[in-house]
Structures are given as structure tokens and as C-alpha cells.
Amino acid sequence: MVKLRLKRCGRKQRAVYRIVAIDVRCRREGRDLRKVGFYDPLKNQTYLNVPAILYFLEKGAQPTGTVEDILRKAEVFKA
């Protein structure tokens, strides 16, 4: 199963996160299938590759709670 989740990058006390599509059996820092976004909580900046995110969601990928909140804030889920 594939999940969309955050992968921690950056230095100590200055974390930034990549939003990645990754197999659930891999650890957080493991090998990802594809990088689909970027999130900086300190500057409150977000970059999303929306076509890639929608592709993985159509294929059955599940976003984690935090990633789902980021996607809702960016209005990716337009119901």
C-alpha cells in the first residue's frame, strides 16, 4: 500500500519536510516512490505537485493526517 506522508529534511531545530509517495513498509527516511511536494512549517510555505498527488490518490494512495490537512488547506480536495 502506498501512502502520502512527510519526510523530514533540514537541520536540527530547523526542520523542513518533503511530501512523498512511499510504501507503508518503508521507514520515514526510506526510499520514496516520488517526491510530490514540499512543506516548511516555520515559513508556512507549501509547494505541491497537484497532478502527481491526484495521480497517486486515484491509484489508491492514502494521505496521512498531516498531509491531508495540508492538502485541504491548499484546496486540492474540491468536492
PDB file of N, CA and C in Angstrom:
ATOM      1  N   MET A   1       0.841  -1.181   0.000  1.00  0.00           N
ATOM      2  CA  MET A   1       0.000   0.000   0.000  1.00  0.00           C
ATOM      3  C   MET A   1       0.885   1.242   0.000  1.00  0.00           C
ATOM      4  N   VAL A   2       0.460   2.250  -0.702  1.00  0.00           N
ATOM      5  CA  VAL A   2       1.216   3.498  -0.822  1.00  0.00           C
ATOM      6  C   VAL A   2       0.551   4.570   0.031  1.00  0.00           C
ATOM      7  N   LYS A   3       1.374   5.369   0.697  1.00  0.00           N
ATOM      8  CA  LYS A   3       0.875   6.492   1.479  1.00  0.00           C
ATOM      9  C   LYS A   3       1.567   7.767   1.039  1.00  0.00           C
ATOM     10  N   LEU A   4       0.860   8.870   1.186  1.00  0.00           N
ATOM     11  CA  LEU A   4       1.459  10.192   1.018  1.00  0.00           C
ATOM     12  C   LEU A   4       1.791  10.673   2.420  1.00  0.00           C
ATOM     13  N   ARG A   5       3.074  10.866   2.699  1.00  0.00           N
ATOM     14  CA  ARG A   5       3.461  11.281   4.033  1.00  0.00           C
ATOM     15  C   ARG A   5       4.661  12.214   3.997  1.00  0.00           C
ATOM     16  N   LEU A   6       5.001  12.754   5.168  1.00  0.00           N
ATOM     17  CA  LEU A   6       6.092  13.711   5.275  1.00  0.00           C
ATOM     18  C   LEU A   6       7.411  12.996   5.506  1.00  0.00           C
ATOM     19  N   LYS A   7       8.449  13.523   4.877  1.00  0.00           N
ATOM     20  CA  LYS A   7       9.807  13.025   5.060  1.00  0.00           C
ATOM     21  C   LYS A   7      10.634  14.191   5.577  1.00  0.00           C
ATOM     22  N   ARG A   8      11.228  14.029   6.743  1.00  0.00           N
ATOM     23  CA  ARG A   8      11.930  15.130   7.402  1.00  0.00           C
ATOM     24  C   ARG A   8      13.266  15.409   6.727  1.00  0.00           C
ATOM     25  N   CYS A   9      13.546  16.688   6.500  1.00  0.00           N
ATOM     26  CA  CYS A   9      14.809  17.150   5.941  1.00  0.00           C
ATOM     27  C   CYS A   9      15.242  18.369   6.742  1.00  0.00           C
ATOM     28  N   GLY A  10      16.375  18.931   6.401  1.00  0.00           N
ATOM     29  CA  GLY A  10      16.838  20.135   7.078  1.00  0.00           C
ATOM     30  C   GLY A  10      17.756  19.812   8.236  1.00  0.00           C
ATOM     31  N   ARG A  11      18.074  20.819   9.008  1.00  0.00           N
ATOM     32  CA  ARG A  11      18.999  20.623  10.119  1.00  0.00           C
ATOM     33  C   ARG A  11      18.268  20.627  11.452  1.00  0.00           C
ATOM     34  N   LYS A  12      18.999  20.478  12.525  1.00  0.00           N
ATOM     35  CA  LYS A  12      18.394  20.448  13.854  1.00  0.00           C
ATOM     36  C   LYS A  12      17.671  21.756  14.147  1.00  0.00           C
ATOM     37  N   GLN A  13      16.522  21.642  14.773  1.00  0.00           N
ATOM     38  CA  GLN A  13      15.692  22.787  15.163  1.00  0.00           C
ATOM     39  C   GLN A  13      15.226  23.615  13.970  1.00  0.00           C
ATOM     40  N   ARG A  14      15.395  23.116  12.757  1.00  0.00           N
ATOM     41  CA  ARG A  14      15.052  23.865  11.542  1.00  0.00           C
ATOM     42  C   ARG A  14      14.534  22.886  10.497  1.00  0.00           C
ATOM     43  N   ALA A  15      13.561  22.094  10.894  1.00  0.00           N
ATOM     44  CA  ALA A  15      13.076  21.023  10.029  1.00  0.00           C
ATOM     45  C   ALA A  15      12.224  21.568   8.889  1.00  0.00           C
ATOM     46  N   VAL A  16      12.405  20.996   7.719  1.00  0.00           N
ATOM     47  CA  VAL A  16      11.519  21.179   6.579  1.00  0.00           C
ATOM     48  C   VAL A  16      11.132  19.777   6.135  1.00  0.00           C
ATOM     49  N   TYR A  17      10.038  19.667   5.442  1.00  0.00           N
ATOM     50  CA  TYR A  17       9.518  18.357   5.097  1.00  0.00           C
ATOM     51  C   TYR A  17       9.250  18.248   3.609  1.00  0.00           C
ATOM     52  N   ARG A  18       9.531  17.072   3.050  1.00  0.00           N
ATOM     53  CA  ARG A  18       9.111  16.746   1.695  1.00  0.00           C
ATOM     54  C   ARG A  18       7.860  15.902   1.807  1.00  0.00           C
ATOM     55  N   ILE A  19       6.920  16.134   0.931  1.00  0.00           N
ATOM     56  CA  ILE A  19       5.741  15.284   0.851  1.00  0.00           C
ATOM     57  C   ILE A  19       6.053  14.243  -0.214  1.00  0.00           C
ATOM     58  N   VAL A  20       6.030  12.974   0.184  1.00  0.00           N
ATOM     59  CA  VAL A  20       6.448  11.905  -0.716  1.00  0.00           C
ATOM     60  C   VAL A  20       5.397  10.810  -0.776  1.00  0.00           C
ATOM     61  N   ALA A  21       5.391  10.099  -1.882  1.00  0.00           N
ATOM     62  CA  ALA A  21       4.622   8.871  -2.011  1.00  0.00           C
ATOM     63  C   ALA A  21       5.593   7.744  -1.678  1.00  0.00           C
ATOM     64  N   ILE A  22       5.216   6.929  -0.691  1.00  0.00           N
ATOM     65  CA  ILE A  22       6.138   5.920  -0.178  1.00  0.00           C
ATOM     66  C   ILE A  22       5.362   4.676   0.220  1.00  0.00           C
ATOM     67  N   ASP A  23       5.998   3.528   0.098  1.00  0.00           N
ATOM     68  CA  ASP A  23       5.396   2.268   0.529  1.00  0.00           C
ATOM     69  C   ASP A  23       5.300   2.273   2.055  1.00  0.00           C
ATOM     70  N   VAL A  24       4.195   1.776   2.611  1.00  0.00           N
ATOM     71  CA  VAL A  24       3.990   1.830   4.058  1.00  0.00           C
ATOM     72  C   VAL A  24       4.998   0.977   4.817  1.00  0.00           C
ATOM     73  N   ARG A  25       5.606   0.006   4.158  1.00  0.00           N
ATOM     74  CA  ARG A  25       6.567  -0.853   4.837  1.00  0.00           C
ATOM     75  C   ARG A  25       7.938  -0.195   4.984  1.00  0.00           C
ATOM     76  N   CYS A  26       8.161   0.929   4.307  1.00  0.00           N
ATOM     77  CA  CYS A  26       9.434   1.640   4.409  1.00  0.00           C
ATOM     78  C   CYS A  26       9.409   2.583   5.603  1.00  0.00           C
ATOM     79  N   ARG A  27      10.576   2.828   6.160  1.00  0.00           N
ATOM     80  CA  ARG A  27      10.658   3.774   7.272  1.00  0.00           C
ATOM     81  C   ARG A  27      10.529   5.205   6.763  1.00  0.00           C
ATOM     82  N   ARG A  28      10.448   6.148   7.681  1.00  0.00           N
ATOM     83  CA  ARG A  28      10.222   7.545   7.313  1.00  0.00           C
ATOM     84  C   ARG A  28      11.299   8.087   6.390  1.00  0.00           C
ATOM     85  N   GLU A  29      12.544   7.744   6.655  1.00  0.00           N
ATOM     86  CA  GLU A  29      13.656   8.236   5.840  1.00  0.00           C
ATOM     87  C   GLU A  29      14.004   7.267   4.713  1.00  0.00           C
ATOM     88  N   GLY A  30      13.164   6.289   4.465  1.00  0.00           N
ATOM     89  CA  GLY A  30      13.441   5.277   3.458  1.00  0.00           C
ATOM     90  C   GLY A  30      13.296   5.799   2.037  1.00  0.00           C
ATOM     91  N   ARG A  31      13.416   4.879   1.103  1.00  0.00           N
ATOM     92  CA  ARG A  31      13.364   5.237  -0.315  1.00  0.00           C
ATOM     93  C   ARG A  31      11.920   5.513  -0.725  1.00  0.00           C
ATOM     94  N   ASP A  32      11.710   6.679  -1.303  1.00  0.00           N
ATOM     95  CA  ASP A  32      10.354   7.052  -1.711  1.00  0.00           C
ATOM     96  C   ASP A  32      10.126   6.710  -3.175  1.00  0.00           C
ATOM     97  N   LEU A  33       8.851   6.603  -3.540  1.00  0.00           N
ATOM     98  CA  LEU A  33       8.495   6.345  -4.928  1.00  0.00           C
ATOM     99  C   LEU A  33       8.622   7.617  -5.755  1.00  0.00           C
ATOM    100  N   ARG A  34       8.145   8.737  -5.165  1.00  0.00           N
ATOM    101  CA  ARG A  34       8.203  10.014  -5.877  1.00  0.00           C
ATOM    102  C   ARG A  34       8.003  11.160  -4.894  1.00  0.00           C
ATOM    103  N   LYS A  35       8.715  12.252  -5.129  1.00  0.00           N
ATOM    104  CA  LYS A  35       8.522  13.462  -4.338  1.00  0.00           C
ATOM    105  C   LYS A  35       7.380  14.253  -4.974  1.00  0.00           C
ATOM    106  N   VAL A  36       6.378  14.585  -4.175  1.00  0.00           N
ATOM    107  CA  VAL A  36       5.212  15.269  -4.742  1.00  0.00           C
ATOM    108  C   VAL A  36       4.956  16.628  -4.100  1.00  0.00           C
ATOM    109  N   GLY A  37       5.808  17.055  -3.180  1.00  0.00           N
ATOM    110  CA  GLY A  37       5.581  18.356  -2.578  1.00  0.00           C
ATOM    111  C   GLY A  37       6.639  18.700  -1.554  1.00  0.00           C
ATOM    112  N   PHE A  38       6.457  19.873  -0.951  1.00  0.00           N
ATOM    113  CA  PHE A  38       7.406  20.435  -0.006  1.00  0.00           C
ATOM    114  C   PHE A  38       6.633  21.257   1.006  1.00  0.00           C
ATOM    115  N   TYR A  39       7.019  21.193   2.290  1.00  0.00           N
ATOM    116  CA  TYR A  39       6.326  21.946   3.331  1.00  0.00           C
ATOM    117  C   TYR A  39       7.342  22.486   4.324  1.00  0.00           C
ATOM    118  N   ASP A  40       7.315  23.787   4.553  1.00  0.00           N
ATOM    119  CA  ASP A  40       8.174  24.434   5.550  1.00  0.00           C
ATOM    120  C   ASP A  40       7.278  25.031   6.619  1.00  0.00           C
ATOM    121  N   PRO A  41       7.193  24.407   7.806  1.00  0.00           N
ATOM    122  CA  PRO A  41       6.283  24.909   8.833  1.00  0.00           C
ATOM    123  C   PRO A  41       6.723  26.227   9.467  1.00  0.00           C
ATOM    124  N   LEU A  42       8.002  26.543   9.439  1.00  0.00           N
ATOM    125  CA  LEU A  42       8.470  27.780  10.057  1.00  0.00           C
ATOM    126  C   LEU A  42       8.132  29.003   9.208  1.00  0.00           C
ATOM    127  N   LYS A  43       8.273  28.880   7.903  1.00  0.00           N
ATOM    128  CA  LYS A  43       7.912  29.974   7.000  1.00  0.00           C
ATOM    129  C   LYS A  43       6.479  29.838   6.502  1.00  0.00           C
ATOM    130  N   ASN A  44       5.851  28.716   6.826  1.00  0.00           N
ATOM    131  CA  ASN A  44       4.485  28.408   6.399  1.00  0.00           C
ATOM    132  C   ASN A  44       4.375  28.440   4.870  1.00  0.00           C
ATOM    133  N   GLN A  45       5.345  27.807   4.197  1.00  0.00           N
ATOM    134  CA  GLN A  45       5.352  27.715   2.743  1.00  0.00           C
ATOM    135  C   GLN A  45       5.033  26.290   2.324  1.00  0.00           C
ATOM    136  N   THR A  46       4.303  26.176   1.241  1.00  0.00           N
ATOM    137  CA  THR A  46       3.949  24.868   0.722  1.00  0.00           C
ATOM    138  C   THR A  46       4.073  24.881  -0.790  1.00  0.00           C
ATOM    139  N   TYR A  47       4.677  23.836  -1.337  1.00  0.00           N
ATOM    140  CA  TYR A  47       4.696  23.617  -2.778  1.00  0.00           C
ATOM    141  C   TYR A  47       4.123  22.235  -3.019  1.00  0.00           C
ATOM    142  N   LEU A  48       3.138  22.137  -3.903  1.00  0.00           N
ATOM    143  CA  LEU A  48       2.502  20.857  -4.198  1.00  0.00           C
ATOM    144  C   LEU A  48       2.501  20.605  -5.697  1.00  0.00           C
ATOM    145  N   ASN A  49       2.867  19.396  -6.089  1.00  0.00           N
ATOM    146  CA  ASN A  49       2.752  18.958  -7.471  1.00  0.00           C
ATOM    147  C   ASN A  49       1.375  18.292  -7.580  1.00  0.00           C
ATOM    148  N   VAL A  50       0.348  19.088  -7.824  1.00  0.00           N
ATOM    149  CA  VAL A  50      -1.031  18.619  -7.753  1.00  0.00           C
ATOM    150  C   VAL A  50      -1.331  17.478  -8.722  1.00  0.00           C
ATOM    151  N   PRO A  51      -0.889  17.517  -9.986  1.00  0.00           N
ATOM    152  CA  PRO A  51      -1.174  16.369 -10.861  1.00  0.00           C
ATOM    153  C   PRO A  51      -0.600  15.055 -10.335  1.00  0.00           C
ATOM    154  N   ALA A  52       0.600  15.095  -9.773  1.00  0.00           N
ATOM    155  CA  ALA A  52       1.201  13.876  -9.229  1.00  0.00           C
ATOM    156  C   ALA A  52       0.443  13.394  -7.997  1.00  0.00           C
ATOM    157  N   ILE A  53       0.008  14.324  -7.151  1.00  0.00           N
ATOM    158  CA  ILE A  53      -0.759  13.962  -5.957  1.00  0.00           C
ATOM    159  C   ILE A  53      -2.076  13.324  -6.356  1.00  0.00           C
ATOM    160  N   LEU A  54      -2.772  13.926  -7.305  1.00  0.00           N
ATOM    161  CA  LEU A  54      -4.050  13.365  -7.747  1.00  0.00           C
ATOM    162  C   LEU A  54      -3.857  12.007  -8.402  1.00  0.00           C
ATOM    163  N   TYR A  55      -2.751  11.810  -9.114  1.00  0.00           N
ATOM    164  CA  TYR A  55      -2.458  10.512  -9.725  1.00  0.00           C
ATOM    165  C   TYR A  55      -2.354   9.424  -8.644  1.00  0.00           C
ATOM    166  N   PHE A  56      -1.585   9.703  -7.597  1.00  0.00           N
ATOM    167  CA  PHE A  56      -1.418   8.704  -6.544  1.00  0.00           C
ATOM    168  C   PHE A  56      -2.712   8.479  -5.773  1.00  0.00           C
ATOM    169  N   LEU A  57      -3.504   9.534  -5.571  1.00  0.00           N
ATOM    170  CA  LEU A  57      -4.779   9.360  -4.873  1.00  0.00           C
ATOM    171  C   LEU A  57      -5.745   8.511  -5.697  1.00  0.00           C
ATOM    172  N   GLU A  58      -5.740   8.683  -7.020  1.00  0.00           N
ATOM    173  CA  GLU A  58      -6.587   7.861  -7.892  1.00  0.00           C
ATOM    174  C   GLU A  58      -6.166   6.401  -7.877  1.00  0.00           C
ATOM    175  N   LYS A  59      -4.864   6.159  -7.697  1.00  0.00           N
ATOM    176  CA  LYS A  59      -4.357   4.785  -7.656  1.00  0.00           C
ATOM    177  C   LYS A  59      -4.561   4.133  -6.291  1.00  0.00           C
ATOM    178  N   GLY A  60      -5.109   4.863  -5.323  1.00  0.00           N
ATOM    179  CA  GLY A  60      -5.428   4.280  -4.024  1.00  0.00           C
ATOM    180  C   GLY A  60      -4.503   4.659  -2.892  1.00  0.00           C
ATOM    181  N   ALA A  61      -3.635   5.626  -3.093  1.00  0.00           N
ATOM    182  CA  ALA A  61      -2.741   6.051  -2.019  1.00  0.00           C
ATOM    183  C   ALA A  61      -3.546   6.760  -0.933  1.00  0.00           C
ATOM    184  N   GLN A  62      -3.141   6.556   0.322  1.00  0.00           N
ATOM    185  CA  GLN A  62      -3.815   7.173   1.455  1.00  0.00           C
ATOM    186  C   GLN A  62      -2.913   8.252   2.050  1.00  0.00           C
ATOM    187  N   PRO A  63      -3.401   9.494   2.198  1.00  0.00           N
ATOM    188  CA  PRO A  63      -2.586  10.517   2.855  1.00  0.00           C
ATOM    189  C   PRO A  63      -2.637  10.353   4.369  1.00  0.00           C
ATOM    190  N   THR A  64      -1.543  10.683   5.039  1.00  0.00           N
ATOM    191  CA  THR A  64      -1.555  10.691   6.496  1.00  0.00           C
ATOM    192  C   THR A  64      -2.375  11.892   6.957  1.00  0.00           C
ATOM    193  N   GLY A  65      -2.642  11.969   8.238  1.00  0.00           N
ATOM    194  CA  GLY A  65      -3.467  13.051   8.765  1.00  0.00           C
ATOM    195  C   GLY A  65      -2.900  14.428   8.489  1.00  0.00           C
ATOM    196  N   THR A  66      -1.603  14.600   8.709  1.00  0.00           N
ATOM    197  CA  THR A  66      -0.964  15.891   8.496  1.00  0.00           C
ATOM    198  C   THR A  66      -0.959  16.277   7.026  1.00  0.00           C
ATOM    199  N   VAL A  67      -0.651  15.326   6.164  1.00  0.00           N
ATOM    200  CA  VAL A  67      -0.635  15.599   4.723  1.00  0.00           C
ATOM    201  C   VAL A  67      -2.053  15.920   4.250  1.00  0.00           C
ATOM    202  N   GLU A  68      -3.037  15.229   4.788  1.00  0.00           N
ATOM    203  CA  GLU A  68      -4.418  15.513   4.412  1.00  0.00           C
ATOM    204  C   GLU A  68      -4.817  16.938   4.813  1.00  0.00           C
ATOM    205  N   ASP A  69      -4.375  17.390   5.992  1.00  0.00           N
ATOM    206  CA  ASP A  69      -4.645  18.768   6.413  1.00  0.00           C
ATOM    207  C   ASP A  69      -3.984  19.777   5.475  1.00  0.00           C
ATOM    208  N   ILE A  70      -2.743  19.487   5.046  1.00  0.00           N
ATOM    209  CA  ILE A  70      -2.039  20.376   4.118  1.00  0.00           C
ATOM    210  C   ILE A  70      -2.780  20.431   2.785  1.00  0.00           C
ATOM    211  N   LEU A  71      -3.243  19.281   2.302  1.00  0.00           N
ATOM    212  CA  LEU A  71      -3.954  19.243   1.029  1.00  0.00           C
ATOM    213  C   LEU A  71      -5.301  19.950   1.112  1.00  0.00           C
ATOM    214  N   ARG A  72      -5.984  19.813   2.247  1.00  0.00           N
ATOM    215  CA  ARG A  72      -7.261  20.527   2.427  1.00  0.00           C
ATOM    216  C   ARG A  72      -7.057  22.036   2.458  1.00  0.00           C
ATOM    217  N   LYS A  73      -6.002  22.465   3.126  1.00  0.00           N
ATOM    218  CA  LYS A  73      -5.705  23.906   3.214  1.00  0.00           C
ATOM    219  C   LYS A  73      -5.384  24.461   1.831  1.00  0.00           C
ATOM    220  N   ALA A  74      -4.738  23.653   0.984  1.00  0.00           N
ATOM    221  CA  ALA A  74      -4.390  24.067  -0.374  1.00  0.00           C
ATOM    222  C   ALA A  74      -5.550  23.840  -1.349  1.00  0.00           C
ATOM    223  N   GLU A  75      -6.673  23.320  -0.851  1.00  0.00           N
ATOM    224  CA  GLU A  75      -7.891  23.093  -1.643  1.00  0.00           C
ATOM    225  C   GLU A  75      -7.663  22.112  -2.785  1.00  0.00           C
ATOM    226  N   VAL A  76      -6.906  21.053  -2.529  1.00  0.00           N
ATOM    227  CA  VAL A  76      -6.713  20.001  -3.515  1.00  0.00           C
ATOM    228  C   VAL A  76      -7.975  19.157  -3.611  1.00  0.00           C
ATOM    229  N   PHE A  77      -8.645  18.952  -2.463  1.00  0.00           N
ATOM    230  CA  PHE A  77      -9.891  18.176  -2.421  1.00  0.00           C
ATOM    231  C   PHE A  77     -11.067  19.114  -2.682  1.00  0.00           C
ATOM    232  N   LYS A  78     -11.447  19.254  -3.921  1.00  0.00           N
ATOM    233  CA  LYS A  78     -12.607  20.084  -4.260  1.00  0.00           C
ATOM    234  C   LYS A  78     -13.786  19.166  -4.534  1.00  0.00           C
ATOM    235  N   ALA A  79     -14.600  18.997  -3.535  1.00  0.00           N
ATOM    236  CA  ALA A  79     -15.721  18.054  -3.658  1.00  0.00           C
ATOM    237  C   ALA A  79     -16.931  18.658  -4.320  1.00  0.00           C
TER     238      ALA A  79
END
